Amino acid sequence: MGLRPLRVRDKESWLWLRRTNDAWLARWEATRPTDDAPVVTFRQMIKNYDAEAKAGRQLPFAVTYEERLVGQLSVSGIMLGSARGGQIGYWVGQQWAGRGIIPTAVALVMDHCFFEKNLHRIEINIRPENLASLRVVEKLGLRDEGLRKNYLHIAGEWADHRTFAITKEEIVGRMIDRLWNTPT
């Protein structure tokens, strides 16, 4: 399992992965509630990710397995100052689900956020019926902070999400150690 920047040359692999996993991902995908947001090309998406990363507002990653692109993970909404936090979102192709790839990626990115970027709090927002993602936060020991009604526009409608969070002070050692020391 690996993490790296998403690159323009990933276009064909990324598009293939999204296309072949459309049914798998559609029920969890953010959608636009109005048609006023412009549709962007893959190149524009990468350019936007790079600009947001350079500005310190986002950390976008390609998730790889055996050197192959299998998903994506981003830390977005990064706030500095007195808040020092962000939100993690991710997806993985169904072909690679259940192999521990996303829990490992999330743990590694959290360690990077806490110990390299000096963030204080990370949260993950999950639809209540997304059992696979609920298992990720369970494995990592994130705290359930409750339900956010109509939090994000998903699959064409406003959807409730449960918020899970952890602060740097709540962990002993590293998140990757917490993951590897959790019974399955």
N, C-alpha and C. Protein backbone atom coordinates (compact mmCIF):
# COMPACT_ATOMS: atom_id res chain seq x y z
N MET A 1 0.85 -1.17 0.00
CA MET A 1 0.00 0.00 0.00
C MET A 1 0.89 1.23 0.00
N GLY A 2 0.53 2.21 -0.79
CA GLY A 2 1.31 3.44 -0.83
C GLY A 2 0.44 4.66 -1.00
N LEU A 3 1.04 5.79 -0.72
CA LEU A 3 0.40 7.10 -0.90
C LEU A 3 1.35 7.97 -1.70
N ARG A 4 0.81 8.73 -2.62
CA ARG A 4 1.62 9.65 -3.41
C ARG A 4 0.69 10.71 -3.97
N PRO A 5 1.27 11.77 -4.54
CA PRO A 5 0.41 12.77 -5.18
C PRO A 5 -0.31 12.17 -6.39
N LEU A 6 -1.52 12.64 -6.62
CA LEU A 6 -2.24 12.28 -7.83
C LEU A 6 -1.67 13.14 -8.95
N ARG A 7 -1.35 12.53 -10.10
CA ARG A 7 -0.68 13.23 -11.19
C ARG A 7 -1.53 13.22 -12.46
N VAL A 8 -1.25 14.17 -13.34
CA VAL A 8 -1.96 14.26 -14.62
C VAL A 8 -1.82 12.94 -15.37
N ARG A 9 -0.67 12.30 -15.31
CA ARG A 9 -0.49 11.04 -16.04
C ARG A 9 -1.30 9.88 -15.46
N ASP A 10 -1.97 10.10 -14.32
CA ASP A 10 -2.87 9.09 -13.75
C ASP A 10 -4.25 9.09 -14.40
N LYS A 11 -4.47 9.99 -15.34
CA LYS A 11 -5.80 10.20 -15.90
C LYS A 11 -6.47 8.90 -16.34
N GLU A 12 -5.85 8.14 -17.21
CA GLU A 12 -6.49 6.94 -17.74
C GLU A 12 -6.76 5.90 -16.65
N SER A 13 -5.82 5.71 -15.74
CA SER A 13 -6.02 4.76 -14.63
C SER A 13 -7.14 5.22 -13.72
N TRP A 14 -7.16 6.52 -13.42
CA TRP A 14 -8.17 7.09 -12.53
C TRP A 14 -9.55 6.97 -13.17
N LEU A 15 -9.65 7.35 -14.46
CA LEU A 15 -10.94 7.27 -15.15
C LEU A 15 -11.43 5.82 -15.25
N TRP A 16 -10.51 4.88 -15.54
CA TRP A 16 -10.90 3.47 -15.59
C TRP A 16 -11.41 3.00 -14.22
N LEU A 17 -10.71 3.37 -13.18
CA LEU A 17 -11.10 2.97 -11.82
C LEU A 17 -12.47 3.53 -11.46
N ARG A 18 -12.69 4.79 -11.77
CA ARG A 18 -13.98 5.41 -11.48
C ARG A 18 -15.09 4.77 -12.32
N ARG A 19 -14.84 4.56 -13.59
CA ARG A 19 -15.84 3.99 -14.49
C ARG A 19 -16.21 2.57 -14.07
N THR A 20 -15.23 1.75 -13.75
CA THR A 20 -15.51 0.36 -13.39
C THR A 20 -16.09 0.22 -11.98
N ASN A 21 -16.04 1.28 -11.21
CA ASN A 21 -16.57 1.24 -9.84
C ASN A 21 -17.73 2.21 -9.65
N ASP A 22 -18.33 2.65 -10.74
CA ASP A 22 -19.40 3.64 -10.65
C ASP A 22 -20.53 3.18 -9.74
N ALA A 23 -21.02 1.97 -9.93
CA ALA A 23 -22.12 1.47 -9.10
C ALA A 23 -21.70 1.32 -7.65
N TRP A 24 -20.47 0.89 -7.41
CA TRP A 24 -19.93 0.70 -6.06
C TRP A 24 -19.82 2.03 -5.32
N LEU A 25 -19.42 3.10 -6.02
CA LEU A 25 -19.15 4.38 -5.38
C LEU A 25 -20.33 5.35 -5.40
N ALA A 26 -21.26 5.19 -6.33
CA ALA A 26 -22.32 6.18 -6.56
C ALA A 26 -23.13 6.52 -5.32
N ARG A 27 -23.41 5.55 -4.49
CA ARG A 27 -24.27 5.83 -3.32
C ARG A 27 -23.56 6.63 -2.24
N TRP A 28 -22.23 6.79 -2.36
CA TRP A 28 -21.48 7.54 -1.36
C TRP A 28 -20.90 8.85 -1.94
N GLU A 29 -21.09 9.07 -3.23
CA GLU A 29 -20.43 10.18 -3.91
C GLU A 29 -21.10 11.52 -3.65
N ALA A 30 -20.28 12.52 -3.40
CA ALA A 30 -20.77 13.89 -3.30
C ALA A 30 -21.28 14.31 -4.68
N THR A 31 -22.40 15.01 -4.67
CA THR A 31 -22.98 15.52 -5.91
C THR A 31 -23.23 17.01 -5.74
N ARG A 32 -23.46 17.68 -6.85
CA ARG A 32 -23.70 19.12 -6.82
C ARG A 32 -25.20 19.37 -6.66
N PRO A 33 -25.59 20.12 -5.63
CA PRO A 33 -27.02 20.37 -5.44
C PRO A 33 -27.61 21.31 -6.49
N THR A 34 -26.77 22.08 -7.16
CA THR A 34 -27.22 22.96 -8.24
C THR A 34 -26.28 22.79 -9.42
N ASP A 35 -26.70 23.27 -10.55
CA ASP A 35 -25.88 23.15 -11.75
C ASP A 35 -24.96 24.34 -11.96
N ASP A 36 -24.78 25.19 -10.95
CA ASP A 36 -23.98 26.40 -11.14
C ASP A 36 -22.47 26.16 -11.01
N ALA A 37 -22.08 25.02 -10.48
CA ALA A 37 -20.65 24.73 -10.36
C ALA A 37 -20.14 24.18 -11.69
N PRO A 38 -19.01 24.69 -12.16
CA PRO A 38 -18.50 24.20 -13.44
C PRO A 38 -17.98 22.77 -13.35
N VAL A 39 -18.16 22.04 -14.43
CA VAL A 39 -17.58 20.70 -14.53
C VAL A 39 -16.12 20.89 -14.90
N VAL A 40 -15.23 20.19 -14.21
CA VAL A 40 -13.80 20.35 -14.46
C VAL A 40 -13.23 19.11 -15.13
N THR A 41 -12.20 19.31 -15.91
CA THR A 41 -11.49 18.20 -16.53
C THR A 41 -10.57 17.56 -15.49
N PHE A 42 -10.03 16.40 -15.81
CA PHE A 42 -9.10 15.74 -14.90
C PHE A 42 -7.89 16.64 -14.65
N ARG A 43 -7.37 17.25 -15.70
CA ARG A 43 -6.22 18.15 -15.57
C ARG A 43 -6.55 19.33 -14.64
N GLN A 44 -7.74 19.90 -14.78
CA GLN A 44 -8.15 21.00 -13.91
C GLN A 44 -8.29 20.53 -12.46
N MET A 45 -8.80 19.31 -12.27
CA MET A 45 -8.93 18.76 -10.92
C MET A 45 -7.55 18.66 -10.27
N ILE A 46 -6.56 18.14 -11.00
CA ILE A 46 -5.20 18.02 -10.46
C ILE A 46 -4.63 19.41 -10.17
N LYS A 47 -4.85 20.34 -11.07
CA LYS A 47 -4.37 21.71 -10.87
C LYS A 47 -5.01 22.32 -9.61
N ASN A 48 -6.30 22.10 -9.42
CA ASN A 48 -6.99 22.59 -8.21
C ASN A 48 -6.43 21.93 -6.95
N TYR A 49 -6.22 20.61 -7.00
CA TYR A 49 -5.63 19.91 -5.86
C TYR A 49 -4.25 20.49 -5.52
N ASP A 50 -3.44 20.68 -6.54
CA ASP A 50 -2.09 21.20 -6.32
C ASP A 50 -2.12 22.60 -5.71
N ALA A 51 -3.02 23.46 -6.22
CA ALA A 51 -3.13 24.83 -5.69
C ALA A 51 -3.60 24.82 -4.24
N GLU A 52 -4.59 23.96 -3.93
CA GLU A 52 -5.08 23.87 -2.55
C GLU A 52 -4.01 23.31 -1.62
N ALA A 53 -3.24 22.34 -2.10
CA ALA A 53 -2.14 21.79 -1.30
C ALA A 53 -1.07 22.85 -1.05
N LYS A 54 -0.72 23.57 -2.08
CA LYS A 54 0.29 24.62 -1.94
C LYS A 54 -0.16 25.70 -0.96
N ALA A 55 -1.46 26.00 -0.95
CA ALA A 55 -2.02 26.99 -0.04
C ALA A 55 -2.19 26.44 1.38
N GLY A 56 -1.97 25.13 1.57
CA GLY A 56 -2.09 24.53 2.90
C GLY A 56 -3.51 24.19 3.31
N ARG A 57 -4.45 24.18 2.36
CA ARG A 57 -5.85 23.90 2.68
C ARG A 57 -6.26 22.45 2.42
N GLN A 58 -5.40 21.69 1.75
CA GLN A 58 -5.75 20.32 1.40
C GLN A 58 -4.49 19.48 1.24
N LEU A 59 -4.64 18.18 1.53
CA LEU A 59 -3.58 17.20 1.28
C LEU A 59 -4.20 16.08 0.45
N PRO A 60 -4.05 16.13 -0.88
CA PRO A 60 -4.62 15.09 -1.73
C PRO A 60 -3.61 13.97 -1.99
N PHE A 61 -4.10 12.72 -1.98
CA PHE A 61 -3.23 11.57 -2.20
C PHE A 61 -3.88 10.57 -3.15
N ALA A 62 -3.06 9.96 -3.98
CA ALA A 62 -3.45 8.75 -4.71
C ALA A 62 -3.13 7.59 -3.77
N VAL A 63 -4.04 6.63 -3.68
CA VAL A 63 -3.81 5.43 -2.89
C VAL A 63 -3.43 4.33 -3.87
N THR A 64 -2.29 3.69 -3.61
CA THR A 64 -1.81 2.65 -4.51
C THR A 64 -1.68 1.31 -3.77
N TYR A 65 -1.74 0.26 -4.55
CA TYR A 65 -1.54 -1.09 -4.03
C TYR A 65 -0.77 -1.84 -5.11
N GLU A 66 0.36 -2.39 -4.73
CA GLU A 66 1.24 -3.06 -5.69
C GLU A 66 1.49 -2.15 -6.90
N GLU A 67 1.80 -0.88 -6.60
CA GLU A 67 2.14 0.15 -7.60
C GLU A 67 0.99 0.54 -8.51
N ARG A 68 -0.22 0.12 -8.22
CA ARG A 68 -1.38 0.42 -9.05
C ARG A 68 -2.31 1.37 -8.31
N LEU A 69 -2.85 2.35 -9.01
CA LEU A 69 -3.82 3.28 -8.44
C LEU A 69 -5.09 2.51 -8.09
N VAL A 70 -5.50 2.55 -6.81
CA VAL A 70 -6.69 1.81 -6.38
C VAL A 70 -7.71 2.70 -5.68
N GLY A 71 -7.35 3.96 -5.41
CA GLY A 71 -8.28 4.85 -4.73
C GLY A 71 -7.69 6.22 -4.51
N GLN A 72 -8.37 6.98 -3.70
CA GLN A 72 -7.95 8.35 -3.43
C GLN A 72 -8.29 8.70 -1.99
N LEU A 73 -7.49 9.54 -1.39
CA LEU A 73 -7.70 10.02 -0.03
C LEU A 73 -7.29 11.49 0.02
N SER A 74 -8.11 12.30 0.68
CA SER A 74 -7.77 13.72 0.82
C SER A 74 -8.05 14.18 2.24
N VAL A 75 -7.19 15.06 2.70
CA VAL A 75 -7.48 15.81 3.91
C VAL A 75 -7.89 17.18 3.40
N SER A 76 -9.11 17.57 3.66
CA SER A 76 -9.61 18.84 3.16
C SER A 76 -10.07 19.71 4.32
N GLY A 77 -10.43 20.93 3.98
CA GLY A 77 -10.91 21.85 5.01
C GLY A 77 -9.88 22.09 6.09
N ILE A 78 -8.61 22.06 5.74
CA ILE A 78 -7.56 22.24 6.75
C ILE A 78 -7.62 23.67 7.30
N MET A 79 -7.72 23.74 8.60
CA MET A 79 -7.74 25.03 9.30
C MET A 79 -6.50 25.10 10.19
N LEU A 80 -5.86 26.21 10.17
CA LEU A 80 -4.72 26.42 11.05
C LEU A 80 -5.17 27.34 12.17
N GLY A 81 -4.30 28.16 12.68
CA GLY A 81 -4.69 29.05 13.78
C GLY A 81 -5.07 28.25 15.01
N SER A 82 -6.13 28.68 15.67
CA SER A 82 -6.53 28.03 16.92
C SER A 82 -7.26 26.71 16.70
N ALA A 83 -7.72 26.42 15.49
CA ALA A 83 -8.45 25.17 15.23
C ALA A 83 -7.50 24.01 14.90
N ARG A 84 -6.58 24.19 13.97
CA ARG A 84 -5.59 23.20 13.55
C ARG A 84 -6.19 21.82 13.30
N GLY A 85 -7.08 21.74 12.33
CA GLY A 85 -7.70 20.46 12.03
C GLY A 85 -8.08 20.32 10.58
N GLY A 86 -8.63 19.17 10.24
CA GLY A 86 -9.09 18.90 8.89
C GLY A 86 -9.98 17.68 8.86
N GLN A 87 -10.50 17.39 7.67
CA GLN A 87 -11.41 16.28 7.46
C GLN A 87 -10.82 15.33 6.43
N ILE A 88 -10.93 14.04 6.70
CA ILE A 88 -10.45 13.04 5.76
C ILE A 88 -11.63 12.44 5.01
N GLY A 89 -11.46 12.33 3.70
CA GLY A 89 -12.41 11.64 2.84
C GLY A 89 -11.62 10.67 1.97
N TYR A 90 -12.24 9.59 1.55
CA TYR A 90 -11.52 8.58 0.79
C TYR A 90 -12.49 7.73 -0.01
N TRP A 91 -11.93 7.04 -0.99
CA TRP A 91 -12.66 5.99 -1.71
C TRP A 91 -11.64 4.98 -2.23
N VAL A 92 -12.11 3.77 -2.46
CA VAL A 92 -11.26 2.70 -2.99
C VAL A 92 -12.11 1.86 -3.94
N GLY A 93 -11.49 1.33 -4.98
CA GLY A 93 -12.20 0.44 -5.90
C GLY A 93 -12.65 -0.82 -5.19
N GLN A 94 -13.81 -1.32 -5.58
CA GLN A 94 -14.37 -2.51 -4.95
C GLN A 94 -13.43 -3.70 -5.04
N GLN A 95 -12.64 -3.76 -6.11
CA GLN A 95 -11.70 -4.86 -6.29
C GLN A 95 -10.69 -4.94 -5.15
N TRP A 96 -10.44 -3.83 -4.47
CA TRP A 96 -9.41 -3.76 -3.43
C TRP A 96 -9.99 -3.53 -2.04
N ALA A 97 -11.31 -3.47 -1.94
CA ALA A 97 -11.94 -3.27 -0.64
C ALA A 97 -11.72 -4.50 0.24
N GLY A 98 -11.65 -4.29 1.53
CA GLY A 98 -11.53 -5.39 2.48
C GLY A 98 -10.12 -5.92 2.66
N ARG A 99 -9.14 -5.25 2.08
CA ARG A 99 -7.74 -5.70 2.21
C ARG A 99 -6.95 -4.86 3.21
N GLY A 100 -7.61 -3.96 3.91
CA GLY A 100 -6.92 -3.11 4.87
C GLY A 100 -6.20 -1.92 4.25
N ILE A 101 -6.43 -1.68 2.97
CA ILE A 101 -5.74 -0.60 2.27
C ILE A 101 -6.17 0.76 2.82
N ILE A 102 -7.47 1.00 2.89
CA ILE A 102 -7.93 2.32 3.35
C ILE A 102 -7.65 2.53 4.83
N PRO A 103 -7.88 1.58 5.72
CA PRO A 103 -7.50 1.84 7.12
C PRO A 103 -6.01 2.18 7.26
N THR A 104 -5.17 1.49 6.51
CA THR A 104 -3.74 1.77 6.57
C THR A 104 -3.44 3.16 6.03
N ALA A 105 -4.06 3.51 4.89
CA ALA A 105 -3.85 4.83 4.31
C ALA A 105 -4.31 5.93 5.26
N VAL A 106 -5.47 5.75 5.87
CA VAL A 106 -5.99 6.76 6.81
C VAL A 106 -5.05 6.89 8.01
N ALA A 107 -4.59 5.78 8.55
CA ALA A 107 -3.67 5.83 9.70
C ALA A 107 -2.38 6.56 9.34
N LEU A 108 -1.82 6.25 8.18
CA LEU A 108 -0.58 6.92 7.76
C LEU A 108 -0.78 8.41 7.55
N VAL A 109 -1.89 8.78 6.94
CA VAL A 109 -2.17 10.21 6.70
C VAL A 109 -2.43 10.92 8.02
N MET A 110 -3.13 10.28 8.94
CA MET A 110 -3.33 10.90 10.26
C MET A 110 -2.00 11.13 10.95
N ASP A 111 -1.11 10.15 10.90
CA ASP A 111 0.22 10.34 11.50
C ASP A 111 0.93 11.52 10.85
N HIS A 112 0.83 11.64 9.54
CA HIS A 112 1.45 12.76 8.83
C HIS A 112 0.83 14.09 9.30
N CYS A 113 -0.49 14.11 9.42
CA CYS A 113 -1.17 15.33 9.86
C CYS A 113 -0.80 15.71 11.29
N PHE A 114 -0.78 14.74 12.18
CA PHE A 114 -0.48 15.03 13.58
C PHE A 114 0.99 15.34 13.83
N PHE A 115 1.88 14.59 13.21
CA PHE A 115 3.29 14.70 13.57
C PHE A 115 4.15 15.49 12.60
N GLU A 116 3.71 15.64 11.36
CA GLU A 116 4.47 16.45 10.40
C GLU A 116 3.82 17.82 10.19
N LYS A 117 2.50 17.84 10.11
CA LYS A 117 1.77 19.09 9.86
C LYS A 117 1.29 19.75 11.15
N ASN A 118 1.48 19.06 12.27
CA ASN A 118 1.11 19.57 13.59
C ASN A 118 -0.36 19.98 13.70
N LEU A 119 -1.24 19.17 13.08
CA LEU A 119 -2.66 19.40 13.27
C LEU A 119 -3.07 18.81 14.61
N HIS A 120 -4.18 19.29 15.14
CA HIS A 120 -4.66 18.89 16.45
C HIS A 120 -5.82 17.91 16.38
N ARG A 121 -6.68 18.06 15.35
CA ARG A 121 -7.92 17.28 15.27
C ARG A 121 -8.18 16.86 13.83
N ILE A 122 -8.58 15.60 13.67
CA ILE A 122 -8.99 15.08 12.38
C ILE A 122 -10.38 14.48 12.54
N GLU A 123 -11.24 14.76 11.57
CA GLU A 123 -12.56 14.13 11.60
C GLU A 123 -12.85 13.44 10.27
N ILE A 124 -13.74 12.45 10.36
CA ILE A 124 -14.22 11.72 9.20
C ILE A 124 -15.74 11.68 9.31
N ASN A 125 -16.41 12.07 8.24
CA ASN A 125 -17.87 12.08 8.22
C ASN A 125 -18.35 10.96 7.32
N ILE A 126 -19.26 10.12 7.85
CA ILE A 126 -19.66 8.88 7.19
C ILE A 126 -21.18 8.76 7.19
N ARG A 127 -21.73 8.34 6.06
CA ARG A 127 -23.16 8.04 6.02
C ARG A 127 -23.43 6.88 6.97
N PRO A 128 -24.51 6.95 7.76
CA PRO A 128 -24.78 5.90 8.77
C PRO A 128 -24.88 4.49 8.20
N GLU A 129 -25.27 4.35 6.94
CA GLU A 129 -25.42 3.03 6.35
C GLU A 129 -24.16 2.51 5.66
N ASN A 130 -23.08 3.28 5.69
CA ASN A 130 -21.82 2.87 5.05
C ASN A 130 -21.01 2.01 6.03
N LEU A 131 -21.35 0.75 6.08
CA LEU A 131 -20.76 -0.16 7.06
C LEU A 131 -19.25 -0.33 6.88
N ALA A 132 -18.77 -0.33 5.64
CA ALA A 132 -17.33 -0.48 5.41
C ALA A 132 -16.56 0.69 5.99
N SER A 133 -17.04 1.91 5.79
CA SER A 133 -16.35 3.08 6.35
C SER A 133 -16.50 3.15 7.87
N LEU A 134 -17.63 2.70 8.38
CA LEU A 134 -17.78 2.66 9.84
C LEU A 134 -16.74 1.71 10.45
N ARG A 135 -16.43 0.65 9.74
CA ARG A 135 -15.41 -0.29 10.22
C ARG A 135 -14.03 0.35 10.25
N VAL A 136 -13.75 1.25 9.28
CA VAL A 136 -12.46 1.95 9.26
C VAL A 136 -12.27 2.77 10.53
N VAL A 137 -13.27 3.57 10.89
CA VAL A 137 -13.11 4.41 12.08
C VAL A 137 -13.13 3.58 13.36
N GLU A 138 -13.84 2.46 13.33
CA GLU A 138 -13.82 1.56 14.48
C GLU A 138 -12.42 0.99 14.68
N LYS A 139 -11.79 0.53 13.60
CA LYS A 139 -10.44 -0.03 13.68
C LYS A 139 -9.45 0.99 14.22
N LEU A 140 -9.65 2.26 13.87
CA LEU A 140 -8.72 3.31 14.27
C LEU A 140 -9.08 3.95 15.62
N GLY A 141 -10.21 3.59 16.17
CA GLY A 141 -10.58 4.08 17.49
C GLY A 141 -11.02 5.54 17.53
N LEU A 142 -11.65 6.03 16.45
CA LEU A 142 -12.14 7.40 16.48
C LEU A 142 -13.41 7.48 17.31
N ARG A 143 -13.62 8.62 17.91
CA ARG A 143 -14.77 8.90 18.76
C ARG A 143 -15.97 9.28 17.91
N ASP A 144 -17.14 8.70 18.18
CA ASP A 144 -18.37 9.05 17.49
C ASP A 144 -18.93 10.32 18.13
N GLU A 145 -19.04 11.38 17.35
CA GLU A 145 -19.52 12.65 17.87
C GLU A 145 -20.97 12.94 17.51
N GLY A 146 -21.63 11.99 16.89
CA GLY A 146 -23.06 12.16 16.63
C GLY A 146 -23.41 12.40 15.17
N LEU A 147 -24.68 12.64 14.98
CA LEU A 147 -25.27 12.76 13.66
C LEU A 147 -25.35 14.21 13.20
N ARG A 148 -24.95 14.45 11.95
CA ARG A 148 -25.13 15.75 11.30
C ARG A 148 -26.25 15.57 10.27
N LYS A 149 -27.39 16.19 10.52
CA LYS A 149 -28.54 16.09 9.63
C LYS A 149 -28.25 16.82 8.32
N ASN A 150 -28.59 16.15 7.22
CA ASN A 150 -28.47 16.74 5.88
C ASN A 150 -27.12 17.42 5.66
N TYR A 151 -26.05 16.76 6.05
CA TYR A 151 -24.72 17.35 6.08
C TYR A 151 -24.12 17.59 4.70
N LEU A 152 -24.18 16.58 3.83
CA LEU A 152 -23.59 16.71 2.49
C LEU A 152 -24.58 16.25 1.43
N HIS A 153 -24.44 16.82 0.25
CA HIS A 153 -25.25 16.40 -0.89
C HIS A 153 -24.58 15.16 -1.50
N ILE A 154 -25.24 14.02 -1.36
CA ILE A 154 -24.69 12.74 -1.78
C ILE A 154 -25.70 12.04 -2.68
N ALA A 155 -25.22 11.52 -3.80
CA ALA A 155 -26.07 10.74 -4.71
C ALA A 155 -27.38 11.47 -5.01
N GLY A 156 -27.33 12.78 -5.16
CA GLY A 156 -28.49 13.55 -5.58
C GLY A 156 -29.41 14.07 -4.49
N GLU A 157 -29.04 13.87 -3.21
CA GLU A 157 -29.90 14.39 -2.13
C GLU A 157 -29.08 14.72 -0.90
N TRP A 158 -29.63 15.56 -0.06
CA TRP A 158 -28.94 15.91 1.19
C TRP A 158 -28.99 14.70 2.11
N ALA A 159 -27.84 14.32 2.64
CA ALA A 159 -27.73 13.08 3.40
C ALA A 159 -27.13 13.33 4.78
N ASP A 160 -27.67 12.59 5.77
CA ASP A 160 -27.13 12.62 7.12
C ASP A 160 -25.77 11.94 7.14
N HIS A 161 -24.93 12.38 8.06
CA HIS A 161 -23.62 11.77 8.27
C HIS A 161 -23.35 11.68 9.77
N ARG A 162 -22.62 10.66 10.16
CA ARG A 162 -22.09 10.59 11.52
C ARG A 162 -20.68 11.14 11.48
N THR A 163 -20.34 11.90 12.49
CA THR A 163 -19.02 12.50 12.58
C THR A 163 -18.18 11.73 13.60
N PHE A 164 -16.99 11.34 13.16
CA PHE A 164 -16.03 10.66 14.02
C PHE A 164 -14.78 11.53 14.05
N ALA A 165 -14.15 11.62 15.21
CA ALA A 165 -12.98 12.49 15.33
C ALA A 165 -11.98 11.92 16.33
N ILE A 166 -10.78 12.47 16.23
CA ILE A 166 -9.73 12.15 17.19
C ILE A 166 -8.79 13.35 17.25
N THR A 167 -8.26 13.59 18.44
CA THR A 167 -7.27 14.66 18.58
C THR A 167 -5.92 14.03 18.88
N LYS A 168 -4.90 14.80 18.63
CA LYS A 168 -3.53 14.31 18.83
C LYS A 168 -3.32 13.83 20.26
N GLU A 169 -3.94 14.50 21.22
CA GLU A 169 -3.75 14.13 22.63
C GLU A 169 -4.39 12.78 22.98
N GLU A 170 -5.31 12.32 22.16
CA GLU A 170 -6.00 11.06 22.44
C GLU A 170 -5.23 9.82 22.02
N ILE A 171 -4.18 10.01 21.26
CA ILE A 171 -3.45 8.83 20.79
C ILE A 171 -2.13 8.68 21.54
N VAL A 172 -1.75 7.46 21.71
CA VAL A 172 -0.47 7.13 22.30
C VAL A 172 0.35 6.52 21.18
N GLY A 173 1.49 7.08 20.90
CA GLY A 173 2.30 6.58 19.79
C GLY A 173 1.78 7.11 18.47
N ARG A 174 1.58 6.20 17.53
CA ARG A 174 1.15 6.57 16.18
C ARG A 174 -0.14 5.85 15.84
N MET A 175 -0.90 6.43 14.91
CA MET A 175 -2.15 5.81 14.47
C MET A 175 -1.88 4.47 13.78
N ILE A 176 -0.79 4.36 13.05
CA ILE A 176 -0.50 3.10 12.36
C ILE A 176 -0.27 1.98 13.37
N ASP A 177 0.34 2.31 14.52
CA ASP A 177 0.53 1.31 15.57
C ASP A 177 -0.81 0.92 16.17
N ARG A 178 -1.70 1.89 16.34
CA ARG A 178 -3.04 1.63 16.87
C ARG A 178 -3.78 0.67 15.95
N LEU A 179 -3.65 0.89 14.64
CA LEU A 179 -4.31 0.02 13.67
C LEU A 179 -3.76 -1.40 13.73
N TRP A 180 -2.45 -1.53 13.73
CA TRP A 180 -1.83 -2.85 13.71
C TRP A 180 -2.01 -3.61 15.01
N ASN A 181 -2.31 -2.90 16.08
CA ASN A 181 -2.51 -3.55 17.37
C ASN A 181 -3.98 -3.73 17.73
N THR A 182 -4.89 -3.49 16.76
CA THR A 182 -6.32 -3.68 16.98
C THR A 182 -6.71 -5.06 16.50
N PRO A 183 -7.41 -5.83 17.33
CA PRO A 183 -7.89 -7.14 16.87
C PRO A 183 -8.86 -6.96 15.71
N THR A 184 -8.83 -7.86 14.74
CA THR A 184 -9.72 -7.75 13.57
C THR A 184 -11.04 -8.41 13.83
